Amino acid sequence: MAKGIIYVMTTVVPGLIKIGKTGSENFESRMYNLERNGYFNVVGLKRKFAIEVDDYDEKEVLLDEIFRKSKVPNSELFALDADLVVQLLSSFEGKQVFPKEISKEEVFTAATAEQQVKSDWGLVPDGEYYISQMVKDFGKVSATMRVENGTFIVLRGSICAPTKNGWVPEIRKTAPISNDILQDDVIASSPSSAGWVVLGHSNNGWTTWKDEKGNPIDIYRKHID
C-alpha cells in the first residue's frame, strides 16, 4: 500500500481551496512552493490540514469523486468550504501532519464548530449593514459592510479607528487604511473580523453591525430557547 500525504489549502479567493497529494518526504517543499508561487494562477495558498494515509492515490481519487461537482476543471481547485473537507480528512485513519500542535480529534471538533458558525453566517440577508459609534480617544467611526452570499465585505471609504498595543489580527494589519479611511474593500471571514477592520479592537460582530433600522445582525441568527 502506497503511503503519502493528502492536504487541503485555502487560497486568497474566499470559498476556493486546493486539495492535493504529495509523497511523505516532499510535503514541506511542496507546501513552500505552493505558498510562495501559488497554483493555477491563484495565489495566497496557506496550508489548512494534512494527513499521511495508506493508499493515498486511491483516497485522492475518492475525494475527487465526492467533490467533483465543485471542482474547477483541469485543476486541483474546488469551490468548497475548507472546514467541510477538514472534517472528512480528519476522520481518515492515518498520521496528522499539519497542524502539529493539536490532535485529529481537536481538529475535527474545531472544524465541526466552524461549520455551525458558518451556517449562521448564511442566515444574514444580502445587503448593507453599518457601524456608527464613538470610540474612546478617537471619535466617531462610520462604516458600511456589504453581505453577499455569506461573505462579509467592509467597503472602502469606511472611517476606521486606530489599533492599540497588543495582538492585532492579520486582516487589520493588512487593511489598506490611510488617514483613518479604508482605501479599498476588504473581504472578512466573519462579522467580528469585519468589526476589527473598523474598530481596531476585538468585538462581537453580531451586535456591532446593524441593519438600516438599527437592529443588530444577531436577530437573523437561530437561537435556542
Protein backbone atom coordinates (compact mmCIF):
# COMPACT_ATOMS: atom_id res chain seq x y z
CA MET A 1 0.00 0.00 0.00
CA ALA A 2 1.50 3.32 -1.11
CA LYS A 3 1.71 5.80 1.75
CA GLY A 4 1.59 9.55 1.19
CA ILE A 5 0.04 12.81 2.30
CA ILE A 6 -3.28 14.35 1.35
CA TYR A 7 -3.64 18.02 2.13
CA VAL A 8 -6.08 20.90 1.87
CA MET A 9 -5.06 24.53 1.44
CA THR A 10 -7.02 27.76 1.46
CA THR A 11 -6.45 30.46 -1.18
CA VAL A 12 -6.77 34.21 -1.42
CA VAL A 13 -10.16 33.65 -3.09
CA PRO A 14 -12.89 33.08 -0.46
CA GLY A 15 -14.51 29.66 -0.88
CA LEU A 16 -11.81 28.35 -3.23
CA ILE A 17 -9.49 25.66 -1.89
CA LYS A 18 -6.87 23.24 -3.15
CA ILE A 19 -6.95 19.52 -2.37
CA GLY A 20 -3.81 17.64 -3.33
CA LYS A 21 -1.41 14.85 -2.54
CA THR A 22 2.34 14.50 -2.21
CA GLY A 23 4.92 12.00 -1.07
CA SER A 24 5.62 11.98 2.65
CA GLU A 25 9.19 13.18 2.16
CA ASN A 26 8.11 16.01 -0.16
CA PHE A 27 5.46 17.68 2.00
CA GLU A 28 7.43 20.66 3.32
CA SER A 29 8.97 21.52 -0.05
CA ARG A 30 5.57 21.18 -1.75
CA MET A 31 3.92 23.47 0.78
CA TYR A 32 6.75 26.00 0.47
CA ASN A 33 6.44 26.07 -3.32
CA LEU A 34 2.66 26.45 -3.32
CA GLU A 35 2.60 29.08 -0.58
CA ARG A 36 5.29 31.08 -2.35
CA ASN A 37 4.29 30.68 -6.02
CA GLY A 38 0.57 29.90 -5.99
CA TYR A 39 -1.21 27.39 -8.17
CA PHE A 40 -3.23 27.65 -11.40
CA ASN A 41 -2.95 31.47 -11.35
CA VAL A 42 -4.33 31.54 -7.79
CA VAL A 43 -2.14 32.96 -5.02
CA GLY A 44 -2.28 33.25 -1.26
CA LEU A 45 -2.30 29.50 -0.64
CA LYS A 46 -1.98 28.51 3.01
CA ARG A 47 -1.88 25.01 4.45
CA LYS A 48 -5.01 24.12 6.40
CA PHE A 49 -4.76 20.38 7.12
CA ALA A 50 -2.64 17.42 6.04
CA ILE A 51 -2.70 13.73 6.88
CA GLU A 52 -0.47 10.81 5.96
CA VAL A 53 -2.53 7.82 4.84
CA ASP A 54 -2.18 4.45 3.15
CA ASP A 55 -3.36 4.19 -0.47
CA TYR A 56 -3.19 7.95 -0.84
CA ASP A 57 -3.63 7.79 -4.63
CA GLU A 58 -6.92 5.96 -4.25
CA LYS A 59 -8.08 8.29 -1.48
CA GLU A 60 -7.39 11.35 -3.64
CA VAL A 61 -9.45 9.78 -6.43
CA LEU A 62 -12.23 9.20 -3.89
CA LEU A 63 -12.13 12.87 -2.84
CA ASP A 64 -12.26 13.95 -6.48
CA GLU A 65 -15.35 11.83 -6.97
CA ILE A 66 -17.06 13.07 -3.82
CA PHE A 67 -16.44 16.72 -4.65
CA ARG A 68 -16.41 16.52 -8.47
CA LYS A 69 -19.35 18.91 -8.88
CA SER A 70 -17.35 21.59 -7.05
CA LYS A 71 -14.08 21.06 -8.93
CA VAL A 72 -12.53 23.68 -11.18
CA PRO A 73 -11.91 21.82 -14.49
CA ASN A 74 -8.39 20.56 -15.13
CA SER A 75 -7.13 21.61 -11.71
CA GLU A 76 -6.94 20.62 -8.05
CA LEU A 77 -9.08 23.60 -7.02
CA PHE A 78 -12.54 23.23 -5.54
CA ALA A 79 -15.30 25.69 -4.69
CA LEU A 80 -15.78 24.25 -1.22
CA ASP A 81 -15.72 25.18 2.45
CA ALA A 82 -12.28 24.17 3.76
CA ASP A 83 -13.70 23.09 7.13
CA LEU A 84 -16.03 20.63 5.41
CA VAL A 85 -13.03 18.94 3.77
CA VAL A 86 -11.06 19.03 7.03
CA GLN A 87 -13.95 17.24 8.74
CA LEU A 88 -13.70 14.45 6.19
CA LEU A 89 -9.90 14.19 6.11
CA SER A 90 -9.56 14.22 9.89
CA SER A 91 -11.85 11.18 10.04
CA PHE A 92 -9.39 9.14 7.93
CA GLU A 93 -7.08 6.62 9.53
CA GLY A 94 -3.58 8.00 9.45
CA LYS A 95 -1.00 10.32 10.97
CA GLN A 96 -1.85 14.01 11.11
CA VAL A 97 1.00 16.03 9.59
CA PHE A 98 -0.47 19.53 9.89
CA PRO A 99 -1.33 21.19 12.19
CA LYS A 100 1.07 19.62 14.66
CA GLU A 101 0.03 21.39 17.85
CA ILE A 102 -3.44 19.83 18.16
CA SER A 103 -4.84 16.32 17.70
CA LYS A 104 -7.05 14.99 14.92
CA GLU A 105 -9.94 14.86 17.36
CA GLU A 106 -9.45 18.51 18.25
CA VAL A 107 -9.20 19.43 14.57
CA PHE A 108 -12.42 17.59 13.81
CA THR A 109 -14.23 19.24 16.71
CA ALA A 110 -13.00 22.70 15.70
CA ALA A 111 -13.97 22.16 12.05
CA THR A 112 -17.43 21.00 13.09
CA ALA A 113 -17.87 24.06 15.28
CA GLU A 114 -16.75 26.32 12.43
CA GLN A 115 -19.30 24.69 10.16
CA GLN A 116 -22.04 25.57 12.63
CA VAL A 117 -20.85 29.16 12.88
CA LYS A 118 -20.73 29.49 9.10
CA SER A 119 -24.26 28.15 8.81
CA ASP A 120 -25.27 31.13 10.94
CA TRP A 121 -23.42 33.49 8.60
CA GLY A 122 -25.60 32.34 5.73
CA LEU A 123 -28.67 33.49 7.62
CA VAL A 124 -27.71 37.16 7.29
CA PRO A 125 -29.64 38.53 4.28
CA ASP A 126 -27.66 40.03 1.44
CA GLY A 127 -27.48 43.79 1.75
CA GLU A 128 -25.64 46.56 3.56
CA TYR A 129 -25.04 46.89 7.30
CA TYR A 130 -23.48 49.65 9.34
CA ILE A 131 -21.31 50.67 12.27
CA SER A 132 -21.69 54.22 13.57
CA GLN A 133 -20.36 54.73 17.07
CA MET A 134 -17.89 56.61 19.21
CA VAL A 135 -14.50 55.09 20.01
CA LYS A 136 -12.61 56.33 23.06
CA ASP A 137 -9.60 58.53 22.31
CA PHE A 138 -10.53 58.64 18.61
CA GLY A 139 -14.02 59.84 17.88
CA LYS A 140 -16.71 58.52 15.58
CA VAL A 141 -16.25 55.53 13.31
CA SER A 142 -18.63 55.14 10.40
CA ALA A 143 -18.53 52.05 8.21
CA THR A 144 -20.56 50.03 5.76
CA MET A 145 -20.38 46.27 5.31
CA ARG A 146 -21.94 44.52 2.33
CA VAL A 147 -23.08 40.92 2.72
CA GLU A 148 -23.09 38.72 -0.37
CA ASN A 149 -23.91 35.02 -0.06
CA GLY A 150 -22.45 34.74 3.43
CA THR A 151 -19.36 36.81 2.60
CA PHE A 152 -18.69 39.99 4.60
CA ILE A 153 -17.13 42.92 2.73
CA VAL A 154 -16.12 46.13 4.51
CA LEU A 155 -16.50 48.89 1.93
CA ARG A 156 -13.86 51.45 1.06
CA GLY A 157 -14.47 54.89 2.46
CA SER A 158 -15.25 53.50 5.91
CA ILE A 159 -13.79 55.56 8.75
CA CYS A 160 -11.69 53.30 10.98
CA ALA A 161 -10.22 53.78 14.45
CA PRO A 162 -6.52 53.06 15.05
CA THR A 163 -5.37 49.93 16.85
CA LYS A 164 -3.84 49.93 20.31
CA ASN A 165 -0.98 47.97 21.80
CA GLY A 166 -1.42 44.21 21.82
CA TRP A 167 -2.37 41.45 19.40
CA VAL A 168 -3.83 42.54 16.06
CA PRO A 169 -5.25 40.04 13.52
CA GLU A 170 -3.81 39.80 10.03
CA ILE A 171 -6.93 41.25 8.42
CA ARG A 172 -6.45 44.53 10.28
CA LYS A 173 -2.66 44.56 9.83
CA THR A 174 -3.04 44.35 6.05
CA ALA A 175 -6.15 46.53 5.67
CA PRO A 176 -5.37 49.47 3.33
CA ILE A 177 -6.14 52.27 5.79
CA SER A 178 -4.74 55.75 5.25
CA ASN A 179 -5.59 58.74 7.43
CA ASP A 180 -8.16 56.52 9.19
CA ILE A 181 -10.04 55.88 5.93
CA LEU A 182 -10.28 52.45 4.28
CA GLN A 183 -8.89 52.82 0.78
CA ASP A 184 -10.27 49.61 -0.74
CA ASP A 185 -12.88 46.95 0.00
CA VAL A 186 -11.77 44.26 2.47
CA ILE A 187 -13.24 40.76 2.49
CA ALA A 188 -13.64 39.47 6.05
CA SER A 189 -14.12 35.91 7.26
CA SER A 190 -16.79 36.80 9.84
CA PRO A 191 -18.79 39.76 11.21
CA SER A 192 -16.29 40.11 14.06
CA SER A 193 -13.32 40.18 11.67
CA ALA A 194 -15.12 42.90 9.73
CA GLY A 195 -15.61 44.76 13.01
CA TRP A 196 -11.87 44.50 13.74
CA VAL A 197 -11.10 46.33 10.49
CA VAL A 198 -13.27 49.25 11.54
CA LEU A 199 -12.97 49.43 15.33
CA GLY A 200 -9.33 48.44 15.71
CA HIS A 201 -10.10 46.08 18.60
CA SER A 202 -11.90 42.83 19.37
CA ASN A 203 -15.68 42.91 19.20
CA ASN A 204 -18.81 40.83 18.82
CA GLY A 205 -19.70 41.46 15.20
CA TRP A 206 -23.18 40.06 15.69
CA THR A 207 -24.08 43.01 17.91
CA THR A 208 -21.73 45.60 16.41
CA TRP A 209 -23.12 45.62 12.87
CA LYS A 210 -26.66 46.99 12.45
CA ASP A 211 -29.21 46.95 9.67
CA GLU A 212 -30.78 50.15 8.33
CA LYS A 213 -33.37 50.06 11.11
CA GLY A 214 -30.70 49.87 13.81
CA ASN A 215 -31.21 46.19 14.59
CA PRO A 216 -28.04 44.13 15.27
CA ILE A 217 -27.50 41.36 12.73
CA ASP A 218 -27.79 38.91 15.63
CA ILE A 219 -31.56 38.99 15.03
CA TYR A 220 -31.02 36.84 11.93
CA ARG A 221 -29.33 34.00 13.78
CA LYS A 222 -31.01 30.86 15.04
CA HIS A 223 -31.44 30.93 18.78
CA ILE A 224 -32.22 28.03 21.09
CA ASP A 225 -34.74 28.96 23.79
